[in-house]
């Protein structure tokens, strides 16, 4: 057994502060006690240290928060981040589908997966729900790399039998390969599976039935897809499914709307769909960076709250323009304010940690820095840039946190810990310099 202590300023928001104002937990001089990668105690250092005589304690200068959890990101798109041109459907045809065809090469998938996960860690992201490609080995490459890094990750082969040439699977192959991948990876490391139809337009009715059957047959897997991102996309879905009440109903008819369903975006949702999301327990991964970059619109936090829809937050790289969930949280504030909703910085932190964990059904394991959870955490440096240091000097906690979200990015991440071990460290940080 290995027992270690980490001393520093601790902050977490384990429940939605919009509904639970007491959910914010802050110890200015706190102590985390970690045994074999699991948090066994947390509290004020002066109070807790006496209970652990002789404990080896590592001081961590900075603000210690739970590891960030990206609720929607595409690893196969990372090399086409910042690709110029058009809105969603044209952007996919011009940039993304050609990029994903390259993943027919297993070695390319392996190289990209390794770089992708290292980029997550550099940005303080310790868990994620990840879109791979239609190729089964793109899942194997990602999960192998995640096992090597001991990361908590969820993914699943993309289903798209109506996809372009070179990216289309079949009804039989999508079912058989998904079943094989579930059997191969279930219960290994900190991994989870997600049935992943790309979106309603790229799967036949028969394949959407397959996705619903997979979800029904495997109660431990998630459903991960896109929903109501772009107005042209929404119009195309309405034309493809004329009997559906709305975009969400097009999925609902195939058994794809339930408490394990994670829908990315949800920018253009009628009230009926929001009510159905809340009733079913399904949730939305809002992706403000991507929505701004592709001109899709802004997620309506007020509408979601009025209906009680569960929310997480995703970078959606490569339409998203940064792997940083700090930066993405800052954009969420701006997107929300455009719809007259002032997103609180503590709620933004919740969405990037415990909120996304709840959406991905891993909140019992990560997201809150609570005893019994895995010790994934990030050390944030509010002096990482001269402007950030000037803005946060002598500032109260809420102002510091908000400044980190608006002005911060990967530079503000001093260290990233996985299961109590330092998995990434910024060059020149206090620990590295010592």
Protein backbone atom coordinates (compact mmCIF):
# COMPACT_ATOMS: atom_id res chain seq x y z
CA UNK A 1 0.00 0.00 0.00
CA UNK A 2 1.13 3.51 -0.84
CA UNK A 3 -0.26 6.38 1.25
CA UNK A 4 0.62 9.96 0.38
CA UNK A 5 -0.63 13.41 1.21
CA UNK A 6 -1.01 16.48 -0.99
CA UNK A 7 -1.23 19.86 0.70
CA UNK A 8 -2.59 22.99 -0.95
CA UNK A 9 -5.67 25.05 -1.71
CA UNK A 10 -8.49 22.65 -2.59
CA UNK A 11 -11.64 23.51 -4.54
CA UNK A 12 -14.39 21.31 -5.94
CA UNK A 13 -18.07 21.56 -6.83
CA UNK A 14 -19.56 18.09 -6.60
CA UNK A 15 -23.20 19.05 -7.28
CA UNK A 16 -24.82 21.67 -9.48
CA UNK A 17 -24.55 24.94 -7.50
CA UNK A 18 -27.53 26.27 -9.47
CA UNK A 19 -29.66 23.90 -7.38
CA UNK A 20 -27.31 23.24 -4.46
CA UNK A 21 -25.54 26.44 -3.34
CA UNK A 22 -23.80 24.48 -0.59
CA UNK A 23 -22.07 22.24 -3.13
CA UNK A 24 -18.94 24.44 -3.30
CA UNK A 25 -16.20 22.94 -1.13
CA UNK A 26 -13.07 24.99 -0.47
CA UNK A 27 -10.14 24.47 1.88
CA UNK A 28 -7.62 27.33 1.65
CA UNK A 29 -5.03 25.10 3.31
CA UNK A 30 -6.26 21.61 2.61
CA UNK A 31 -4.95 18.08 2.66
CA UNK A 32 -5.74 15.20 0.32
CA UNK A 33 -4.76 11.76 1.57
CA UNK A 34 -4.39 9.21 -1.23
CA UNK A 35 -3.97 5.47 -0.82
CA UNK A 36 -3.19 3.39 -3.91
CA UNK A 37 -4.69 6.02 -6.17
CA UNK A 38 -7.90 6.50 -4.17
CA UNK A 39 -8.73 9.52 -1.99
CA UNK A 40 -9.23 8.28 1.56
CA UNK A 41 -9.48 11.62 3.35
CA UNK A 42 -9.85 15.31 2.59
CA UNK A 43 -10.07 18.31 4.85
CA UNK A 44 -8.30 21.19 6.52
CA UNK A 45 -4.59 20.44 6.84
CA UNK A 46 -4.28 21.50 10.49
CA UNK A 47 -7.23 19.30 11.44
CA UNK A 48 -6.47 16.28 9.29
CA UNK A 49 -2.68 15.98 9.54
CA UNK A 50 -2.79 14.82 13.17
CA UNK A 51 -4.78 11.77 12.09
CA UNK A 52 -1.94 10.68 9.80
CA UNK A 53 1.32 10.91 11.76
CA UNK A 54 4.38 10.35 9.63
CA UNK A 55 2.47 10.85 6.40
CA UNK A 56 4.67 11.98 3.50
CA UNK A 57 3.08 15.23 2.37
CA UNK A 58 3.84 16.97 -0.93
CA UNK A 59 3.08 20.71 -0.98
CA UNK A 60 1.36 21.82 -4.19
CA UNK A 61 1.43 25.58 -4.79
CA UNK A 62 -1.60 26.67 -6.76
CA UNK A 63 -5.32 25.91 -6.85
CA UNK A 64 -6.06 22.17 -6.77
CA UNK A 65 -9.27 21.19 -8.59
CA UNK A 66 -10.65 17.88 -9.86
CA UNK A 67 -9.29 16.71 -13.18
CA UNK A 68 -11.27 18.16 -16.05
CA UNK A 69 -13.71 15.87 -17.85
CA UNK A 70 -14.33 16.46 -21.54
CA UNK A 71 -17.85 15.28 -22.34
CA UNK A 72 -17.42 15.41 -26.13
CA UNK A 73 -14.23 15.43 -28.21
CA UNK A 74 -13.02 13.83 -31.49
CA UNK A 75 -9.51 12.41 -31.38
CA UNK A 76 -9.43 11.72 -35.11
CA UNK A 77 -10.00 15.41 -35.84
CA UNK A 78 -7.14 16.88 -33.81
CA UNK A 79 -4.83 17.34 -36.80
CA UNK A 80 -7.52 19.41 -38.54
CA UNK A 81 -8.22 21.80 -35.70
CA UNK A 82 -8.35 25.39 -37.03
CA UNK A 83 -9.38 24.35 -40.55
CA UNK A 84 -10.95 27.25 -42.40
CA UNK A 85 -14.19 27.06 -44.24
CA UNK A 86 -17.97 26.96 -43.97
CA UNK A 87 -20.45 25.57 -41.47
CA UNK A 88 -20.96 22.04 -40.20
CA UNK A 89 -21.99 19.91 -43.18
CA UNK A 90 -19.60 21.54 -45.66
CA UNK A 91 -16.80 21.55 -43.06
CA UNK A 92 -17.26 17.79 -42.57
CA UNK A 93 -17.07 17.11 -46.30
CA UNK A 94 -14.13 19.44 -46.88
CA UNK A 95 -11.91 18.65 -43.90
CA UNK A 96 -13.09 15.95 -41.53
CA UNK A 97 -14.21 13.01 -43.63
CA UNK A 98 -10.92 13.03 -45.59
CA UNK A 99 -9.00 13.21 -42.30
CA UNK A 100 -10.89 10.27 -40.82
CA UNK A 101 -10.24 8.09 -43.86
CA UNK A 102 -6.56 8.12 -42.89
CA UNK A 103 -7.47 6.07 -39.81
CA UNK A 104 -7.82 3.01 -42.00
CA UNK A 105 -4.09 2.81 -41.21
CA UNK A 106 -3.78 1.30 -37.73
CA UNK A 107 -0.34 2.83 -37.17
CA UNK A 108 -1.73 6.28 -37.90
CA UNK A 109 -4.48 5.69 -35.34
CA UNK A 110 -1.94 4.59 -32.74
CA UNK A 111 0.30 7.61 -33.27
CA UNK A 112 -2.61 10.03 -33.15
CA UNK A 113 -4.15 8.45 -30.05
CA UNK A 114 -0.91 8.84 -28.11
CA UNK A 115 -0.50 12.50 -29.04
CA UNK A 116 -4.18 13.19 -28.38
CA UNK A 117 -4.13 11.79 -24.84
CA UNK A 118 -0.91 13.62 -24.02
CA UNK A 119 -2.58 16.83 -25.20
CA UNK A 120 -5.53 16.15 -22.89
CA UNK A 121 -3.20 15.69 -19.94
CA UNK A 122 -1.28 18.86 -20.81
CA UNK A 123 -4.57 20.74 -20.58
CA UNK A 124 -5.59 19.15 -17.28
CA UNK A 125 -8.16 16.78 -18.79
CA UNK A 126 -8.08 13.42 -17.05
CA UNK A 127 -11.28 11.81 -18.40
CA UNK A 128 -13.18 12.13 -21.66
CA UNK A 129 -15.96 10.77 -23.86
CA UNK A 130 -14.23 10.45 -27.23
CA UNK A 131 -15.38 10.04 -30.82
CA UNK A 132 -12.97 7.78 -32.77
CA UNK A 133 -13.74 6.76 -36.39
CA UNK A 134 -15.71 4.04 -38.14
CA UNK A 135 -12.64 1.78 -37.98
CA UNK A 136 -12.74 -0.69 -35.09
CA UNK A 137 -8.99 -0.45 -34.58
CA UNK A 138 -9.35 3.30 -33.95
CA UNK A 139 -11.04 2.29 -30.68
CA UNK A 140 -8.33 -0.27 -29.91
CA UNK A 141 -5.62 2.34 -30.47
CA UNK A 142 -7.32 4.87 -28.20
CA UNK A 143 -8.05 2.39 -25.42
CA UNK A 144 -4.53 0.93 -25.53
CA UNK A 145 -3.08 4.42 -25.13
CA UNK A 146 -5.50 5.18 -22.30
CA UNK A 147 -4.53 1.98 -20.48
CA UNK A 148 -0.87 2.97 -20.72
CA UNK A 149 -1.72 6.32 -19.05
CA UNK A 150 -4.24 4.87 -16.56
CA UNK A 151 -6.86 7.36 -17.78
CA UNK A 152 -10.62 7.02 -17.36
CA UNK A 153 -11.91 7.12 -20.91
CA UNK A 154 -15.09 6.22 -22.79
CA UNK A 155 -15.39 5.63 -26.52
CA UNK A 156 -16.90 3.36 -29.14
CA UNK A 157 -16.73 2.61 -32.84
CA UNK A 158 -18.58 5.14 -35.00
CA UNK A 159 -21.63 3.78 -36.82
CA UNK A 160 -22.31 5.33 -40.24
CA UNK A 161 -23.54 3.01 -42.97
CA UNK A 162 -24.64 6.08 -44.97
CA UNK A 163 -21.22 7.68 -44.67
CA UNK A 164 -19.04 8.69 -47.64
CA UNK A 165 -17.00 6.17 -49.59
CA UNK A 166 -14.13 4.95 -47.45
CA UNK A 167 -15.94 5.71 -44.19
CA UNK A 168 -19.16 3.72 -44.52
CA UNK A 169 -19.63 0.51 -42.57
CA UNK A 170 -22.54 -1.91 -42.96
CA UNK A 171 -25.40 -2.90 -40.71
CA UNK A 172 -23.79 -6.28 -40.02
CA UNK A 173 -20.26 -4.98 -39.52
CA UNK A 174 -21.42 -2.20 -37.23
CA UNK A 175 -23.22 -4.66 -34.99
CA UNK A 176 -20.54 -7.36 -35.03
CA UNK A 177 -17.60 -5.01 -34.53
CA UNK A 178 -19.37 -3.16 -31.72
CA UNK A 179 -20.15 -6.42 -29.93
CA UNK A 180 -16.54 -7.56 -30.31
CA UNK A 181 -15.19 -4.27 -28.96
CA UNK A 182 -17.54 -4.34 -25.98
CA UNK A 183 -16.39 -7.86 -25.10
CA UNK A 184 -12.73 -6.99 -25.65
CA UNK A 185 -12.65 -3.87 -23.49
CA UNK A 186 -15.35 -4.34 -20.87
CA UNK A 187 -13.88 -4.23 -17.38
CA UNK A 188 -10.35 -3.32 -18.46
CA UNK A 189 -8.59 -0.53 -16.63
CA UNK A 190 -10.70 2.61 -16.30
CA UNK A 191 -12.40 2.27 -19.67
CA UNK A 192 -16.04 2.42 -20.71
CA UNK A 193 -17.86 1.82 -23.98
CA UNK A 194 -20.27 4.07 -25.87
CA UNK A 195 -22.46 3.08 -28.80
CA UNK A 196 -21.69 5.88 -31.27
CA UNK A 197 -23.86 6.57 -34.30
CA UNK A 198 -22.29 9.67 -35.82
CA UNK A 199 -25.59 11.50 -36.24
CA UNK A 200 -29.03 10.79 -37.63
CA UNK A 201 -28.13 11.58 -41.24
CA UNK A 202 -25.26 9.08 -41.50
CA UNK A 203 -27.11 5.96 -40.36
CA UNK A 204 -29.94 4.07 -42.04
CA UNK A 205 -33.06 3.24 -40.07
CA UNK A 206 -31.81 -0.33 -39.84
CA UNK A 207 -28.50 0.78 -38.34
CA UNK A 208 -30.24 3.05 -35.84
CA UNK A 209 -32.25 -0.03 -34.80
CA UNK A 210 -28.92 -1.85 -34.32
CA UNK A 211 -27.69 1.00 -32.12
CA UNK A 212 -30.85 0.80 -30.02
CA UNK A 213 -30.47 -2.96 -29.66
CA UNK A 214 -26.83 -2.63 -28.58
CA UNK A 215 -27.83 -0.10 -25.97
CA UNK A 216 -30.62 -2.33 -24.69
CA UNK A 217 -28.43 -5.44 -24.60
CA UNK A 218 -25.57 -3.77 -22.70
CA UNK A 219 -26.85 -1.74 -19.73
CA UNK A 220 -23.32 -0.59 -18.86
CA UNK A 221 -22.68 1.27 -22.14
CA UNK A 222 -23.53 4.84 -23.10
CA UNK A 223 -25.10 6.30 -26.23
CA UNK A 224 -22.97 9.09 -27.75
CA UNK A 225 -24.04 11.13 -30.76
CA UNK A 226 -24.79 14.64 -32.05
CA UNK A 227 -28.06 16.55 -31.77
CA UNK A 228 -29.43 19.82 -33.17
CA UNK A 229 -26.06 21.45 -33.77
CA UNK A 230 -26.68 23.43 -36.94
CA UNK A 231 -29.83 24.81 -38.59
CA UNK A 232 -29.09 23.28 -41.99
CA UNK A 233 -28.44 19.93 -40.30
CA UNK A 234 -31.74 20.22 -38.40
CA UNK A 235 -33.60 20.91 -41.64
CA UNK A 236 -31.99 17.89 -43.31
CA UNK A 237 -32.98 15.66 -40.38
CA UNK A 238 -36.55 16.96 -40.56
CA UNK A 239 -36.62 16.03 -44.24
CA UNK A 240 -35.18 12.58 -43.61
CA UNK A 241 -37.58 11.80 -40.73
CA UNK A 242 -40.87 13.53 -41.64
CA UNK A 243 -42.86 11.61 -39.03
CA UNK A 244 -40.58 12.63 -36.17
CA UNK A 245 -41.77 15.38 -33.84
CA UNK A 246 -38.29 16.95 -33.84
CA UNK A 247 -34.62 15.97 -34.10
CA UNK A 248 -34.59 14.26 -30.69
CA UNK A 249 -37.68 12.26 -31.61
CA UNK A 250 -35.84 10.89 -34.63
CA UNK A 251 -33.50 9.18 -32.15
CA UNK A 252 -36.25 8.34 -29.66
CA UNK A 253 -38.05 6.19 -32.21
CA UNK A 254 -35.08 3.83 -32.22
CA UNK A 255 -34.68 3.54 -28.44
CA UNK A 256 -31.74 5.93 -28.29
CA UNK A 257 -33.05 8.40 -25.71
CA UNK A 258 -32.50 7.31 -22.12
CA UNK A 259 -30.53 8.07 -19.00
CA UNK A 260 -27.31 6.77 -20.62
CA UNK A 261 -27.64 9.01 -23.69
CA UNK A 262 -25.16 11.85 -24.20
CA UNK A 263 -26.04 14.27 -26.99
CA UNK A 264 -23.47 16.80 -28.14
CA UNK A 265 -24.55 20.40 -28.78
CA UNK A 266 -28.35 20.72 -28.49
CA UNK A 267 -28.16 24.29 -29.75
CA UNK A 268 -31.53 24.32 -31.55
CA UNK A 269 -34.00 22.42 -29.38
CA UNK A 270 -37.75 23.00 -29.01
CA UNK A 271 -39.21 22.92 -25.52
CA UNK A 272 -40.77 19.51 -26.22
CA UNK A 273 -37.33 18.01 -26.80
CA UNK A 274 -35.93 19.59 -23.64
CA UNK A 275 -38.81 18.20 -21.63
CA UNK A 276 -38.21 14.75 -23.11
CA UNK A 277 -34.48 14.94 -22.34
CA UNK A 278 -35.25 15.77 -18.72
CA UNK A 279 -37.90 13.06 -18.46
CA UNK A 280 -35.58 10.40 -19.87
CA UNK A 281 -32.50 11.44 -17.91
CA UNK A 282 -30.52 12.04 -21.09
CA UNK A 283 -28.20 15.02 -21.20
CA UNK A 284 -26.38 17.53 -23.36
CA UNK A 285 -22.65 18.11 -23.75
CA UNK A 286 -22.53 21.78 -24.64
CA UNK A 287 -19.58 22.77 -26.86
CA UNK A 288 -19.33 26.58 -27.01
CA UNK A 289 -15.98 26.79 -28.80
CA UNK A 290 -17.15 24.55 -31.62
CA UNK A 291 -20.53 26.25 -31.90
CA UNK A 292 -18.85 29.64 -32.26
CA UNK A 293 -16.23 28.39 -34.73
CA UNK A 294 -18.79 26.79 -37.06
CA UNK A 295 -21.36 29.54 -36.64
CA UNK A 296 -23.88 27.08 -35.22
CA UNK A 297 -25.35 29.30 -32.50
CA UNK A 298 -25.34 29.41 -28.71
CA UNK A 299 -26.66 26.83 -26.27
CA UNK A 300 -29.61 28.05 -24.21
CA UNK A 301 -28.70 27.46 -20.56
CA UNK A 302 -31.90 29.13 -19.39
CA UNK A 303 -34.08 26.81 -21.43
CA UNK A 304 -32.16 23.76 -20.23
CA UNK A 305 -32.45 24.84 -16.59
CA UNK A 306 -36.17 25.55 -16.93
CA UNK A 307 -36.69 21.94 -17.99
CA UNK A 308 -34.07 20.38 -15.69
CA UNK A 309 -31.86 19.02 -18.48
CA UNK A 310 -28.55 17.52 -17.37
CA UNK A 311 -25.53 19.35 -18.79
CA UNK A 312 -21.82 18.72 -19.22
CA UNK A 313 -19.25 20.53 -21.31
CA UNK A 314 -17.03 19.42 -24.18
CA UNK A 315 -14.25 20.94 -26.26
CA UNK A 316 -15.40 19.19 -29.46
CA UNK A 317 -11.94 19.37 -30.99
CA UNK A 318 -11.49 19.63 -34.01
CA UNK A 319 -14.38 22.08 -34.55
CA UNK A 320 -13.53 23.27 -31.08
CA UNK A 321 -10.45 25.45 -31.15
CA UNK A 322 -8.78 24.45 -27.88
CA UNK A 323 -8.23 21.34 -25.76
CA UNK A 324 -8.45 23.56 -22.68
CA UNK A 325 -11.63 23.16 -20.66
CA UNK A 326 -10.62 26.30 -18.77
CA UNK A 327 -10.78 28.24 -22.01
CA UNK A 328 -13.95 26.41 -23.03
CA UNK A 329 -15.61 27.31 -19.72
CA UNK A 330 -14.77 30.94 -20.42
CA UNK A 331 -16.44 30.69 -23.82
CA UNK A 332 -19.44 29.04 -22.18
CA UNK A 333 -19.83 32.15 -20.04
CA UNK A 334 -19.81 34.35 -23.14
CA UNK A 335 -22.18 32.09 -25.05
CA UNK A 336 -24.59 31.96 -22.12
CA UNK A 337 -24.50 35.72 -21.68
CA UNK A 338 -25.48 36.18 -25.32
CA UNK A 339 -28.74 34.51 -24.28
CA UNK A 340 -28.98 36.67 -21.14
CA UNK A 341 -27.74 33.92 -18.80
CA UNK A 342 -24.86 34.88 -16.46
CA UNK A 343 -22.99 31.59 -15.98
CA UNK A 344 -21.41 31.54 -12.53
CA UNK A 345 -17.70 30.54 -12.44
CA UNK A 346 -18.37 27.86 -9.83
CA UNK A 347 -21.08 26.36 -12.00
CA UNK A 348 -18.71 26.46 -14.97
CA UNK A 349 -16.18 24.50 -12.89
CA UNK A 350 -18.94 22.04 -11.98
CA UNK A 351 -19.81 21.53 -15.66
CA UNK A 352 -16.15 20.85 -16.49
CA UNK A 353 -15.74 18.34 -13.64
CA UNK A 354 -18.54 16.71 -11.64
CA UNK A 355 -21.26 17.79 -14.08
CA UNK A 356 -19.60 16.06 -17.00
CA UNK A 357 -18.79 13.10 -14.74
CA UNK A 358 -22.49 12.74 -13.90
CA UNK A 359 -23.40 12.98 -17.58
CA UNK A 360 -20.94 10.16 -18.35
CA UNK A 361 -22.08 8.03 -15.38
CA UNK A 362 -18.66 8.15 -13.72
CA UNK A 363 -19.47 10.61 -10.91
CA UNK A 364 -19.01 7.89 -8.31
CA UNK A 365 -15.38 7.62 -9.40
CA UNK A 366 -14.19 11.11 -10.41
CA UNK A 367 -15.10 14.77 -10.49
CA UNK A 368 -15.45 15.82 -6.86
CA UNK A 369 -12.17 15.14 -5.00
CA UNK A 370 -14.22 13.24 -2.46
CA UNK A 371 -13.10 10.27 -0.32
CA UNK A 372 -13.69 7.06 -2.23
CA UNK A 373 -13.03 8.69 -5.59
CA UNK A 374 -9.98 8.23 -7.77
CA UNK A 375 -7.27 10.84 -7.21
CA UNK A 376 -7.40 12.62 -10.56
CA UNK A 377 -6.69 16.31 -10.03
CA UNK A 378 -5.10 19.40 -11.56
CA UNK A 379 -2.93 22.13 -10.07
CA UNK A 380 -3.81 25.52 -11.57
CA UNK A 381 -1.35 28.41 -11.54
CA UNK A 382 -3.04 31.82 -11.45
CA UNK A 383 0.37 33.45 -12.02
CA UNK A 384 1.11 31.53 -15.22
CA UNK A 385 1.00 34.68 -17.36
CA UNK A 386 1.81 38.28 -16.34
CA UNK A 387 -1.73 39.45 -17.09
CA UNK A 388 -3.34 36.62 -15.15
CA UNK A 389 -1.03 37.25 -12.21
CA UNK A 390 -1.88 40.95 -12.22
CA UNK A 391 -5.61 40.29 -12.46
CA UNK A 392 -5.70 37.71 -9.67
CA UNK A 393 -3.36 39.37 -7.17
CA UNK A 394 -5.21 39.55 -3.82
CA UNK A 395 -8.48 38.63 -5.60
CA UNK A 396 -11.16 36.60 -3.82
CA UNK A 397 -11.71 32.98 -4.88
CA UNK A 398 -14.62 33.62 -7.27
CA UNK A 399 -12.67 36.33 -9.09
CA UNK A 400 -9.57 34.15 -9.35
CA UNK A 401 -11.57 31.25 -10.72
CA UNK A 402 -13.36 33.43 -13.24
CA UNK A 403 -10.10 35.02 -14.38
CA UNK A 404 -8.61 31.55 -14.86
CA UNK A 405 -11.56 30.64 -17.08
CA UNK A 406 -11.47 33.83 -19.14
CA UNK A 407 -7.70 34.37 -19.36
CA UNK A 408 -6.40 30.86 -18.70
CA UNK A 409 -5.57 27.97 -21.01
CA UNK A 410 -3.02 25.16 -21.02
CA UNK A 411 -0.40 27.56 -19.62
CA UNK A 412 -2.37 27.75 -16.36
CA UNK A 413 -2.07 23.99 -15.81
CA UNK A 414 1.03 23.42 -13.69
CA UNK A 415 0.50 19.70 -13.07
CA UNK A 416 -1.97 16.94 -13.91
CA UNK A 417 -2.34 13.94 -11.60
CA UNK A 418 -3.79 10.55 -12.52
CA UNK A 419 -4.63 8.22 -9.61
CA UNK A 420 -2.34 10.27 -7.38
CA UNK A 421 0.64 10.16 -9.76
CA UNK A 422 1.91 13.17 -11.66
CA UNK A 423 1.12 12.44 -15.32
CA UNK A 424 2.09 15.82 -16.75
CA UNK A 425 4.14 18.73 -15.48
CA UNK A 426 4.72 22.13 -17.04
CA UNK A 427 8.37 22.99 -17.61
CA UNK A 428 9.43 25.70 -15.21
CA UNK A 429 6.78 24.92 -12.58
CA UNK A 430 7.75 25.16 -8.94
CA UNK A 431 8.04 21.40 -8.61
CA UNK A 432 10.01 21.04 -11.86
CA UNK A 433 12.35 23.89 -10.91
CA UNK A 434 13.05 22.36 -7.51
